[in-house]
Amino acid sequence: MEEDAYDVVACYGDVEDLLLKKEYHMKEGKVNMCRAIREMLEDERAEGNASGIIKTARRYHASDEEIIHQLMEGLEIDKDKAKEYLAEIS
């Protein structure tokens, strides 16, 4: 997709995440919008899974360290990303 068309879809569709992913998916003045949308959906799904893990762990009074460990195992992410999810969602 041409870069200008991508920008229009991202702006008028009010999908800010697409603009953030644009540079990553640019090649020869074109943007792979399908890949950008797919990655955006994967990010949203991971955030939803993280939210579920955190909320469940909170119900059972888990410590932040226990939650971080559960996020790392359940989502196969590193400690920094787990801490980021915990800060965003808590």
Foldseek 3Di string as FASTA:
>chain_A
DAPVVQVCCCVVVVPVQSVVCQVVQDDPRDGDSVVSVVVVVVVVVLLVVLLVLVVVCVVVPHDLVVSLVCSCVVVVDDSVVSVVSVVVRD
